[in-house]
Amino acid sequence: MADKAGATQRHYSDEAHAISARDVRFDFESVPLHYIPGEVLATHIVDVMHLVLPEGERAMAQALSEALPYIDDERLREEVTGFVGQESMHAASHEAARRHLRSLGLDVDSYVKGIAWLVDRILGDHGLTGRAKEQWLKERLGLFAGMEHYTAVLGEWLLEADILEDKGMHPAMLDLVRWHGAEEVEHRSVVYDAYMHLDGGYLRKARTGVLASVTLLPLFILSAGYLYRKDPSPDKGRFWGLQFLNATRRGVIPSWTVFFTEIPRYLRPGFHPSQLGPMDVALRYLAHSPAARAAAE
């Protein structure tokens, strides 16, 4: 692939620490079906992470693994390797949460299989070779870079959302989403830097970034609606759409408008993920996460 040295303007001074997978251990045994008390729809918004993210993260890790042979920057290779390890741990942890929720009566196996099929058909390598393979890899990296922008922004929200504690969210699930969110903030630059190293084209970045935005929002909303319909609880309430809007208004879940308000920032020439908020809060959380401490005992 062409050398894009001019496009890989790195911001290592702000992101200067090694990225590696952490050993974590979550105990979901006491987690109820609605682990944000009194917030059925908000709980299912979080549940979307258990349904959708494992398959998407596997596809992302696969694309980064395919990109490694084209990356001659040793620092970036180190980051990509650490990123792949972190994404694999994310997928395994969310699958464990999903199995627990299934034991409580939330049967979503058919939906998960559908997501896996869709991700493979759309974001797989398709068995391409030569130039077509390289171009499709660049396309996937551009799309994943756009998606990672939103996961980093949502990760910041999860770390700062005191309302989740105020609402009494179960500590194990709160730790899971904050640990995941913190690592999304920590490795927010990796896929973007890999894309810039392999391609760096602004038009592809803009197109795939917008596509990521218009894909993630309906995916979250439709998945949350599916979870609500599959919820076996008789007291889950009615009109999940109204519950969604109400939870957004009260700040229990992030505002859906973030998928539009972040587009101008991502598309700004000269943008780099290191220009998002400081990662001090994320690194402090990762150093004290209950799941990380439990795994170290």
C-alpha atoms as a PDB file:
ATOM      1  CA  MET A   1       0.000   0.000   0.000  1.00  0.00           C
ATOM      2  CA  ALA A   2       1.083   3.524  -0.608  1.00  0.00           C
ATOM      3  CA  ASP A   3       3.062   5.269   2.146  1.00  0.00           C
ATOM      4  CA  LYS A   4       0.851   7.886   3.760  1.00  0.00           C
ATOM      5  CA  ALA A   5       3.497   9.456   5.986  1.00  0.00           C
ATOM      6  CA  GLY A   6       2.081  12.891   5.414  1.00  0.00           C
ATOM      7  CA  ALA A   7      -1.363  11.723   6.474  1.00  0.00           C
ATOM      8  CA  THR A   8      -0.288  10.029   9.689  1.00  0.00           C
ATOM      9  CA  GLN A   9       0.173  13.083  11.824  1.00  0.00           C
ATOM     10  CA  ARG A  10       0.450  11.301  15.166  1.00  0.00           C
ATOM     11  CA  HIS A  11      -0.512  12.756  18.522  1.00  0.00           C
ATOM     12  CA  TYR A  12       1.515  10.461  20.747  1.00  0.00           C
ATOM     13  CA  SER A  13       2.339  13.217  23.241  1.00  0.00           C
ATOM     14  CA  ASP A  14      -1.291  13.087  24.406  1.00  0.00           C
ATOM     15  CA  GLU A  15      -1.752   9.312  24.083  1.00  0.00           C
ATOM     16  CA  ALA A  16       1.652   8.201  25.377  1.00  0.00           C
ATOM     17  CA  HIS A  17       0.965   4.899  27.130  1.00  0.00           C
ATOM     18  CA  ALA A  18       0.890   1.266  26.122  1.00  0.00           C
ATOM     19  CA  ILE A  19      -2.447  -0.312  25.178  1.00  0.00           C
ATOM     20  CA  SER A  20      -2.942  -3.869  26.337  1.00  0.00           C
ATOM     21  CA  ALA A  21      -5.757  -6.248  27.233  1.00  0.00           C
ATOM     22  CA  ARG A  22      -6.623  -6.369  30.939  1.00  0.00           C
ATOM     23  CA  ASP A  23      -7.656  -9.444  32.840  1.00  0.00           C
ATOM     24  CA  VAL A  24     -11.078  -8.740  34.368  1.00  0.00           C
ATOM     25  CA  ARG A  25     -13.633 -10.810  36.234  1.00  0.00           C
ATOM     26  CA  PHE A  26     -17.299  -9.851  36.486  1.00  0.00           C
ATOM     27  CA  ASP A  27     -19.771 -11.575  38.802  1.00  0.00           C
ATOM     28  CA  PHE A  28     -23.248 -11.297  37.298  1.00  0.00           C
ATOM     29  CA  GLU A  29     -24.901 -13.814  39.633  1.00  0.00           C
ATOM     30  CA  SER A  30     -26.957 -11.240  41.545  1.00  0.00           C
ATOM     31  CA  VAL A  31     -27.762  -8.988  38.548  1.00  0.00           C
ATOM     32  CA  PRO A  32     -31.544  -8.687  37.986  1.00  0.00           C
ATOM     33  CA  LEU A  33     -33.190  -8.399  34.585  1.00  0.00           C
ATOM     34  CA  HIS A  34     -33.797  -4.670  35.085  1.00  0.00           C
ATOM     35  CA  TYR A  35     -30.498  -3.674  36.654  1.00  0.00           C
ATOM     36  CA  ILE A  36     -31.256   0.049  36.509  1.00  0.00           C
ATOM     37  CA  PRO A  37     -34.177   0.084  38.973  1.00  0.00           C
ATOM     38  CA  GLY A  38     -37.361   1.571  37.531  1.00  0.00           C
ATOM     39  CA  GLU A  39     -35.731   2.107  34.121  1.00  0.00           C
ATOM     40  CA  VAL A  40     -36.768  -0.728  31.815  1.00  0.00           C
ATOM     41  CA  LEU A  41     -35.952   0.953  28.521  1.00  0.00           C
ATOM     42  CA  ALA A  42     -32.700   2.478  29.792  1.00  0.00           C
ATOM     43  CA  THR A  43     -31.640  -0.999  30.926  1.00  0.00           C
ATOM     44  CA  HIS A  44     -32.303  -2.358  27.457  1.00  0.00           C
ATOM     45  CA  ILE A  45     -30.323   0.449  25.850  1.00  0.00           C
ATOM     46  CA  VAL A  46     -27.341  -0.841  27.842  1.00  0.00           C
ATOM     47  CA  ASP A  47     -28.308  -4.409  26.883  1.00  0.00           C
ATOM     48  CA  VAL A  48     -27.755  -3.483  23.240  1.00  0.00           C
ATOM     49  CA  MET A  49     -24.041  -3.548  24.079  1.00  0.00           C
ATOM     50  CA  HIS A  50     -24.348  -7.240  24.999  1.00  0.00           C
ATOM     51  CA  LEU A  51     -26.188  -8.072  21.764  1.00  0.00           C
ATOM     52  CA  VAL A  52     -24.499  -6.030  19.086  1.00  0.00           C
ATOM     53  CA  LEU A  53     -20.987  -5.181  20.250  1.00  0.00           C
ATOM     54  CA  PRO A  54     -19.440  -8.671  20.486  1.00  0.00           C
ATOM     55  CA  GLU A  55     -20.002  -9.368  16.778  1.00  0.00           C
ATOM     56  CA  GLY A  56     -18.993  -5.890  15.690  1.00  0.00           C
ATOM     57  CA  GLU A  57     -15.854  -5.988  17.806  1.00  0.00           C
ATOM     58  CA  ARG A  58     -14.828  -9.315  16.323  1.00  0.00           C
ATOM     59  CA  ALA A  59     -15.185  -7.876  12.828  1.00  0.00           C
ATOM     60  CA  MET A  60     -13.164  -4.826  13.852  1.00  0.00           C
ATOM     61  CA  ALA A  61     -10.416  -6.961  15.402  1.00  0.00           C
ATOM     62  CA  GLN A  62     -10.322  -9.057  12.219  1.00  0.00           C
ATOM     63  CA  ALA A  63      -9.877  -5.987  10.032  1.00  0.00           C
ATOM     64  CA  LEU A  64      -7.085  -4.662  12.258  1.00  0.00           C
ATOM     65  CA  SER A  65      -5.370  -8.057  12.165  1.00  0.00           C
ATOM     66  CA  GLU A  66      -5.531  -7.971   8.371  1.00  0.00           C
ATOM     67  CA  ALA A  67      -4.011  -4.486   8.419  1.00  0.00           C
ATOM     68  CA  LEU A  68      -0.974  -5.465  10.517  1.00  0.00           C
ATOM     69  CA  PRO A  69       1.164  -6.681   7.581  1.00  0.00           C
ATOM     70  CA  TYR A  70       0.799  -3.233   5.973  1.00  0.00           C
ATOM     71  CA  ILE A  71       1.822  -1.293   9.095  1.00  0.00           C
ATOM     72  CA  ASP A  72       5.558  -0.549   9.320  1.00  0.00           C
ATOM     73  CA  ASP A  73       5.276   1.904  12.228  1.00  0.00           C
ATOM     74  CA  GLU A  74       6.317  -0.143  15.270  1.00  0.00           C
ATOM     75  CA  ARG A  75       4.421   2.031  17.726  1.00  0.00           C
ATOM     76  CA  LEU A  76       1.218   1.718  15.718  1.00  0.00           C
ATOM     77  CA  ARG A  77       1.723  -2.045  15.384  1.00  0.00           C
ATOM     78  CA  GLU A  78       1.997  -2.245  19.177  1.00  0.00           C
ATOM     79  CA  GLU A  79      -1.210  -0.225  19.575  1.00  0.00           C
ATOM     80  CA  VAL A  80      -3.105  -2.340  17.047  1.00  0.00           C
ATOM     81  CA  THR A  81      -2.037  -5.553  18.774  1.00  0.00           C
ATOM     82  CA  GLY A  82      -3.188  -4.194  22.149  1.00  0.00           C
ATOM     83  CA  PHE A  83      -6.441  -2.985  20.608  1.00  0.00           C
ATOM     84  CA  VAL A  84      -7.228  -6.438  19.211  1.00  0.00           C
ATOM     85  CA  GLY A  85      -6.654  -7.946  22.659  1.00  0.00           C
ATOM     86  CA  GLN A  86      -8.921  -5.409  24.336  1.00  0.00           C
ATOM     87  CA  GLU A  87     -11.712  -5.911  21.817  1.00  0.00           C
ATOM     88  CA  SER A  88     -11.565  -9.679  22.303  1.00  0.00           C
ATOM     89  CA  MET A  89     -11.917  -9.211  26.059  1.00  0.00           C
ATOM     90  CA  HIS A  90     -14.862  -6.826  25.536  1.00  0.00           C
ATOM     91  CA  ALA A  91     -16.659  -9.384  23.382  1.00  0.00           C
ATOM     92  CA  ALA A  92     -16.130 -12.189  25.917  1.00  0.00           C
ATOM     93  CA  SER A  93     -17.322 -10.048  28.854  1.00  0.00           C
ATOM     94  CA  HIS A  94     -20.497  -8.915  27.101  1.00  0.00           C
ATOM     95  CA  GLU A  95     -21.242 -12.473  26.022  1.00  0.00           C
ATOM     96  CA  ALA A  96     -21.046 -13.533  29.673  1.00  0.00           C
ATOM     97  CA  ALA A  97     -23.553 -10.808  30.563  1.00  0.00           C
ATOM     98  CA  ARG A  98     -25.771 -11.944  27.699  1.00  0.00           C
ATOM     99  CA  ARG A  99     -25.748 -15.537  28.952  1.00  0.00           C
ATOM    100  CA  HIS A 100     -26.798 -14.342  32.395  1.00  0.00           C
ATOM    101  CA  LEU A 101     -29.685 -12.303  31.007  1.00  0.00           C
ATOM    102  CA  ARG A 102     -30.761 -15.326  28.971  1.00  0.00           C
ATOM    103  CA  SER A 103     -30.946 -17.320  32.216  1.00  0.00           C
ATOM    104  CA  LEU A 104     -33.380 -14.668  33.498  1.00  0.00           C
ATOM    105  CA  GLY A 105     -35.719 -15.166  30.551  1.00  0.00           C
ATOM    106  CA  LEU A 106     -34.439 -12.624  28.020  1.00  0.00           C
ATOM    107  CA  ASP A 107     -34.060 -14.909  25.014  1.00  0.00           C
ATOM    108  CA  VAL A 108     -32.332 -13.049  22.200  1.00  0.00           C
ATOM    109  CA  ASP A 109     -30.418 -15.880  20.519  1.00  0.00           C
ATOM    110  CA  SER A 110     -32.172 -15.519  17.165  1.00  0.00           C
ATOM    111  CA  TYR A 111     -31.462 -11.783  17.092  1.00  0.00           C
ATOM    112  CA  VAL A 112     -27.809 -12.312  17.956  1.00  0.00           C
ATOM    113  CA  LYS A 113     -27.494 -14.886  15.170  1.00  0.00           C
ATOM    114  CA  GLY A 114     -29.034 -12.381  12.780  1.00  0.00           C
ATOM    115  CA  ILE A 115     -26.551  -9.695  13.842  1.00  0.00           C
ATOM    116  CA  ALA A 116     -23.665 -12.141  13.403  1.00  0.00           C
ATOM    117  CA  TRP A 117     -24.893 -13.056   9.915  1.00  0.00           C
ATOM    118  CA  LEU A 118     -25.326  -9.392   8.953  1.00  0.00           C
ATOM    119  CA  VAL A 119     -21.907  -8.357  10.250  1.00  0.00           C
ATOM    120  CA  ASP A 120     -20.229 -11.224   8.407  1.00  0.00           C
ATOM    121  CA  ARG A 121     -22.022 -10.465   5.134  1.00  0.00           C
ATOM    122  CA  ILE A 122     -21.368  -6.737   5.278  1.00  0.00           C
ATOM    123  CA  LEU A 123     -18.062  -6.354   7.108  1.00  0.00           C
ATOM    124  CA  GLY A 124     -16.276  -9.628   6.392  1.00  0.00           C
ATOM    125  CA  ASP A 125     -13.277  -9.903   4.066  1.00  0.00           C
ATOM    126  CA  HIS A 126     -15.423 -11.559   1.330  1.00  0.00           C
ATOM    127  CA  GLY A 127     -12.451 -13.650   0.199  1.00  0.00           C
ATOM    128  CA  LEU A 128     -11.104 -10.828  -1.968  1.00  0.00           C
ATOM    129  CA  THR A 129      -7.520 -10.756  -3.227  1.00  0.00           C
ATOM    130  CA  GLY A 130      -5.057  -8.247  -4.623  1.00  0.00           C
ATOM    131  CA  ARG A 131      -6.073  -4.620  -5.070  1.00  0.00           C
ATOM    132  CA  ALA A 132      -9.727  -5.345  -4.349  1.00  0.00           C
ATOM    133  CA  LYS A 133      -8.773  -6.785  -0.955  1.00  0.00           C
ATOM    134  CA  GLU A 134      -6.669  -3.724  -0.102  1.00  0.00           C
ATOM    135  CA  GLN A 135      -9.400  -1.286  -1.100  1.00  0.00           C
ATOM    136  CA  TRP A 136     -12.047  -3.178   0.878  1.00  0.00           C
ATOM    137  CA  LEU A 137      -9.746  -3.254   3.922  1.00  0.00           C
ATOM    138  CA  LYS A 138      -9.337   0.528   3.707  1.00  0.00           C
ATOM    139  CA  GLU A 139     -13.102   0.904   3.430  1.00  0.00           C
ATOM    140  CA  ARG A 140     -13.683  -1.209   6.536  1.00  0.00           C
ATOM    141  CA  LEU A 141     -11.019   0.668   8.496  1.00  0.00           C
ATOM    142  CA  GLY A 142     -12.648   3.973   7.562  1.00  0.00           C
ATOM    143  CA  LEU A 143     -16.035   2.724   8.724  1.00  0.00           C
ATOM    144  CA  PHE A 144     -14.628   1.313  11.960  1.00  0.00           C
ATOM    145  CA  ALA A 145     -12.722   4.542  12.628  1.00  0.00           C
ATOM    146  CA  GLY A 146     -16.021   6.411  12.424  1.00  0.00           C
ATOM    147  CA  MET A 147     -17.709   3.925  14.761  1.00  0.00           C
ATOM    148  CA  GLU A 148     -14.851   4.152  17.241  1.00  0.00           C
ATOM    149  CA  HIS A 149     -15.372   7.906  17.421  1.00  0.00           C
ATOM    150  CA  TYR A 150     -18.877   7.342  18.749  1.00  0.00           C
ATOM    151  CA  THR A 151     -17.856   4.585  21.155  1.00  0.00           C
ATOM    152  CA  ALA A 152     -15.216   6.946  22.597  1.00  0.00           C
ATOM    153  CA  VAL A 153     -17.767   9.751  23.001  1.00  0.00           C
ATOM    154  CA  LEU A 154     -20.253   7.352  24.625  1.00  0.00           C
ATOM    155  CA  GLY A 155     -17.434   5.994  26.793  1.00  0.00           C
ATOM    156  CA  GLU A 156     -16.831   9.495  28.129  1.00  0.00           C
ATOM    157  CA  TRP A 157     -20.553   9.787  28.897  1.00  0.00           C
ATOM    158  CA  LEU A 158     -20.591   6.480  30.807  1.00  0.00           C
ATOM    159  CA  LEU A 159     -17.659   7.567  32.965  1.00  0.00           C
ATOM    160  CA  GLU A 160     -19.299  10.879  33.815  1.00  0.00           C
ATOM    161  CA  ALA A 161     -22.946   9.740  34.189  1.00  0.00           C
ATOM    162  CA  ASP A 162     -23.411   9.993  37.964  1.00  0.00           C
ATOM    163  CA  ILE A 163     -27.128   9.467  37.414  1.00  0.00           C
ATOM    164  CA  LEU A 164     -26.487   5.745  36.869  1.00  0.00           C
ATOM    165  CA  GLU A 165     -25.181   5.449  40.426  1.00  0.00           C
ATOM    166  CA  ASP A 166     -27.950   7.704  41.723  1.00  0.00           C
ATOM    167  CA  LYS A 167     -30.484   5.372  40.122  1.00  0.00           C
ATOM    168  CA  GLY A 168     -28.923   2.372  41.857  1.00  0.00           C
ATOM    169  CA  MET A 169     -27.605   0.584  38.768  1.00  0.00           C
ATOM    170  CA  HIS A 170     -26.279  -2.818  39.785  1.00  0.00           C
ATOM    171  CA  PRO A 171     -22.544  -2.458  40.570  1.00  0.00           C
ATOM    172  CA  ALA A 172     -21.448  -5.373  38.356  1.00  0.00           C
ATOM    173  CA  MET A 173     -23.178  -4.009  35.251  1.00  0.00           C
ATOM    174  CA  LEU A 174     -22.068  -0.464  36.056  1.00  0.00           C
ATOM    175  CA  ASP A 175     -18.494  -1.680  36.311  1.00  0.00           C
ATOM    176  CA  LEU A 176     -18.796  -3.598  33.034  1.00  0.00           C
ATOM    177  CA  VAL A 177     -19.996  -0.627  31.000  1.00  0.00           C
ATOM    178  CA  ARG A 178     -17.604   1.836  32.652  1.00  0.00           C
ATOM    179  CA  TRP A 179     -14.624  -0.488  32.220  1.00  0.00           C
ATOM    180  CA  HIS A 180     -15.578  -0.935  28.572  1.00  0.00           C
ATOM    181  CA  GLY A 181     -16.190   2.791  28.142  1.00  0.00           C
ATOM    182  CA  ALA A 182     -12.839   3.625  29.729  1.00  0.00           C
ATOM    183  CA  GLU A 183     -10.988   1.323  27.353  1.00  0.00           C
ATOM    184  CA  GLU A 184     -12.860   2.864  24.409  1.00  0.00           C
ATOM    185  CA  VAL A 185     -11.528   6.242  25.529  1.00  0.00           C
ATOM    186  CA  GLU A 186      -8.058   4.772  26.036  1.00  0.00           C
ATOM    187  CA  HIS A 187      -7.763   3.278  22.545  1.00  0.00           C
ATOM    188  CA  ARG A 188      -9.836   5.914  20.742  1.00  0.00           C
ATOM    189  CA  SER A 189      -7.033   6.787  18.295  1.00  0.00           C
ATOM    190  CA  VAL A 190      -5.939   3.315  17.190  1.00  0.00           C
ATOM    191  CA  VAL A 191      -8.328   2.531  14.336  1.00  0.00           C
ATOM    192  CA  TYR A 192      -8.197   6.127  13.120  1.00  0.00           C
ATOM    193  CA  ASP A 193      -4.389   6.024  13.033  1.00  0.00           C
ATOM    194  CA  ALA A 194      -4.450   2.650  11.254  1.00  0.00           C
ATOM    195  CA  TYR A 195      -6.804   4.065   8.631  1.00  0.00           C
ATOM    196  CA  MET A 196      -4.626   7.147   8.161  1.00  0.00           C
ATOM    197  CA  HIS A 197      -1.530   4.964   7.827  1.00  0.00           C
ATOM    198  CA  LEU A 198      -3.040   2.702   5.170  1.00  0.00           C
ATOM    199  CA  ASP A 199      -5.096   5.285   3.294  1.00  0.00           C
ATOM    200  CA  GLY A 200      -5.574   8.715   4.855  1.00  0.00           C
ATOM    201  CA  GLY A 201      -7.980   9.942   2.173  1.00  0.00           C
ATOM    202  CA  TYR A 202     -10.374  12.618   3.409  1.00  0.00           C
ATOM    203  CA  LEU A 203     -13.252  11.708   1.070  1.00  0.00           C
ATOM    204  CA  ARG A 204     -13.275   8.090   2.211  1.00  0.00           C
ATOM    205  CA  LYS A 205     -13.008   9.193   5.836  1.00  0.00           C
ATOM    206  CA  ALA A 206     -15.962  11.580   5.421  1.00  0.00           C
ATOM    207  CA  ARG A 207     -18.144   9.074   3.597  1.00  0.00           C
ATOM    208  CA  THR A 208     -17.498   6.207   6.005  1.00  0.00           C
ATOM    209  CA  GLY A 209     -17.795   8.500   9.030  1.00  0.00           C
ATOM    210  CA  VAL A 210     -21.266   9.649   8.006  1.00  0.00           C
ATOM    211  CA  LEU A 211     -22.219   6.064   7.175  1.00  0.00           C
ATOM    212  CA  ALA A 212     -21.144   4.978  10.667  1.00  0.00           C
ATOM    213  CA  SER A 213     -23.362   7.644  12.206  1.00  0.00           C
ATOM    214  CA  VAL A 214     -26.491   6.816  10.214  1.00  0.00           C
ATOM    215  CA  THR A 215     -25.956   3.084  10.847  1.00  0.00           C
ATOM    216  CA  LEU A 216     -25.371   3.092  14.606  1.00  0.00           C
ATOM    217  CA  LEU A 217     -28.371   5.213  15.624  1.00  0.00           C
ATOM    218  CA  PRO A 218     -31.115   3.056  14.042  1.00  0.00           C
ATOM    219  CA  LEU A 219     -29.257  -0.083  15.121  1.00  0.00           C
ATOM    220  CA  PHE A 220     -29.370   1.012  18.762  1.00  0.00           C
ATOM    221  CA  ILE A 221     -33.012   2.089  18.602  1.00  0.00           C
ATOM    222  CA  LEU A 222     -34.263  -1.014  16.755  1.00  0.00           C
ATOM    223  CA  SER A 223     -32.260  -3.320  19.035  1.00  0.00           C
ATOM    224  CA  ALA A 224     -33.617  -1.624  22.153  1.00  0.00           C
ATOM    225  CA  GLY A 225     -37.153  -1.988  20.809  1.00  0.00           C
ATOM    226  CA  TYR A 226     -36.559  -5.675  20.126  1.00  0.00           C
ATOM    227  CA  LEU A 227     -35.250  -6.207  23.660  1.00  0.00           C
ATOM    228  CA  TYR A 228     -38.277  -4.435  25.101  1.00  0.00           C
ATOM    229  CA  ARG A 229     -40.635  -6.670  23.158  1.00  0.00           C
ATOM    230  CA  LYS A 230     -38.767  -9.798  24.278  1.00  0.00           C
ATOM    231  CA  ASP A 231     -38.725  -8.675  27.908  1.00  0.00           C
ATOM    232  CA  PRO A 232     -40.879 -11.245  29.774  1.00  0.00           C
ATOM    233  CA  SER A 233     -41.674  -8.946  32.720  1.00  0.00           C
ATOM    234  CA  PRO A 234     -45.376  -8.090  33.112  1.00  0.00           C
ATOM    235  CA  ASP A 235     -44.512  -4.736  34.697  1.00  0.00           C
ATOM    236  CA  LYS A 236     -42.281  -3.405  31.927  1.00  0.00           C
ATOM    237  CA  GLY A 237     -44.763  -0.667  31.075  1.00  0.00           C
ATOM    238  CA  ARG A 238     -46.109   0.382  27.707  1.00  0.00           C
ATOM    239  CA  PHE A 239     -44.960   2.488  24.776  1.00  0.00           C
ATOM    240  CA  TRP A 240     -41.227   1.854  24.730  1.00  0.00           C
ATOM    241  CA  GLY A 241     -40.716   4.823  22.408  1.00  0.00           C
ATOM    242  CA  LEU A 242     -42.069   7.204  25.032  1.00  0.00           C
ATOM    243  CA  GLN A 243     -39.883   5.555  27.647  1.00  0.00           C
ATOM    244  CA  PHE A 244     -36.895   6.114  25.366  1.00  0.00           C
ATOM    245  CA  LEU A 245     -37.630   9.815  24.966  1.00  0.00           C
ATOM    246  CA  ASN A 246     -38.317  10.220  28.682  1.00  0.00           C
ATOM    247  CA  ALA A 247     -35.070   8.489  29.685  1.00  0.00           C
ATOM    248  CA  THR A 248     -33.169  10.683  27.231  1.00  0.00           C
ATOM    249  CA  ARG A 249     -34.753  13.852  28.607  1.00  0.00           C
ATOM    250  CA  ARG A 250     -33.794  12.895  32.171  1.00  0.00           C
ATOM    251  CA  GLY A 251     -30.236  12.034  31.175  1.00  0.00           C
ATOM    252  CA  VAL A 252     -30.457   8.353  32.108  1.00  0.00           C
ATOM    253  CA  ILE A 253     -29.220   7.449  28.621  1.00  0.00           C
ATOM    254  CA  PRO A 254     -27.142   9.532  26.188  1.00  0.00           C
ATOM    255  CA  SER A 255     -29.005  11.798  23.814  1.00  0.00           C
ATOM    256  CA  TRP A 256     -29.575  10.278  20.382  1.00  0.00           C
ATOM    257  CA  THR A 257     -28.593  13.635  18.880  1.00  0.00           C
ATOM    258  CA  VAL A 258     -24.924  12.831  19.546  1.00  0.00           C
ATOM    259  CA  PHE A 259     -24.922  10.802  16.327  1.00  0.00           C
ATOM    260  CA  PHE A 260     -25.518  14.036  14.436  1.00  0.00           C
ATOM    261  CA  THR A 261     -23.798  16.675  16.575  1.00  0.00           C
ATOM    262  CA  GLU A 262     -20.492  14.785  16.428  1.00  0.00           C
ATOM    263  CA  ILE A 263     -20.390  14.641  12.631  1.00  0.00           C
ATOM    264  CA  PRO A 264     -18.998  18.197  12.123  1.00  0.00           C
ATOM    265  CA  ARG A 265     -16.225  17.585  14.645  1.00  0.00           C
ATOM    266  CA  TYR A 266     -15.196  14.279  13.067  1.00  0.00           C
ATOM    267  CA  LEU A 267     -15.249  15.746   9.568  1.00  0.00           C
ATOM    268  CA  ARG A 268     -13.249  18.845  10.469  1.00  0.00           C
ATOM    269  CA  PRO A 269      -9.943  18.878   8.533  1.00  0.00           C
ATOM    270  CA  GLY A 270      -7.097  18.236  10.934  1.00  0.00           C
ATOM    271  CA  PHE A 271      -9.272  16.368  13.427  1.00  0.00           C
ATOM    272  CA  HIS A 272      -7.648  13.621  15.491  1.00  0.00           C
ATOM    273  CA  PRO A 273      -9.309  11.534  18.244  1.00  0.00           C
ATOM    274  CA  SER A 274      -6.773  12.798  20.763  1.00  0.00           C
ATOM    275  CA  GLN A 275      -8.630  16.121  20.530  1.00  0.00           C
ATOM    276  CA  LEU A 276     -11.546  14.604  22.436  1.00  0.00           C
ATOM    277  CA  GLY A 277     -11.635  15.141  26.190  1.00  0.00           C
ATOM    278  CA  PRO A 278      -8.685  14.219  28.430  1.00  0.00           C
ATOM    279  CA  MET A 279      -8.395  10.536  29.226  1.00  0.00           C
ATOM    280  CA  ASP A 280      -7.363  10.998  32.882  1.00  0.00           C
ATOM    281  CA  VAL A 281     -10.769   9.867  34.170  1.00  0.00           C
ATOM    282  CA  ALA A 282     -10.650   6.755  31.993  1.00  0.00           C
ATOM    283  CA  LEU A 283      -7.172   5.758  33.128  1.00  0.00           C
ATOM    284  CA  ARG A 284      -8.053   6.316  36.779  1.00  0.00           C
ATOM    285  CA  TYR A 285     -11.114   4.125  36.412  1.00  0.00           C
ATOM    286  CA  LEU A 286      -9.134   1.367  34.725  1.00  0.00           C
ATOM    287  CA  ALA A 287      -6.663   1.436  37.605  1.00  0.00           C
ATOM    288  CA  HIS A 288      -9.429   0.938  40.189  1.00  0.00           C
ATOM    289  CA  SER A 289     -12.125  -1.064  38.374  1.00  0.00           C
ATOM    290  CA  PRO A 290     -13.626  -3.676  40.746  1.00  0.00           C
ATOM    291  CA  ALA A 291     -13.462  -6.315  37.986  1.00  0.00           C
ATOM    292  CA  ALA A 292      -9.767  -5.667  37.414  1.00  0.00           C
ATOM    293  CA  ARG A 293      -9.078  -5.859  41.153  1.00  0.00           C
ATOM    294  CA  ALA A 294     -11.073  -9.104  41.416  1.00  0.00           C
ATOM    295  CA  ALA A 295      -9.036 -10.704  38.632  1.00  0.00           C
ATOM    296  CA  ALA A 296      -5.798  -9.676  40.372  1.00  0.00           C
ATOM    297  CA  GLU A 297      -6.727 -11.360  43.664  1.00  0.00           C
END
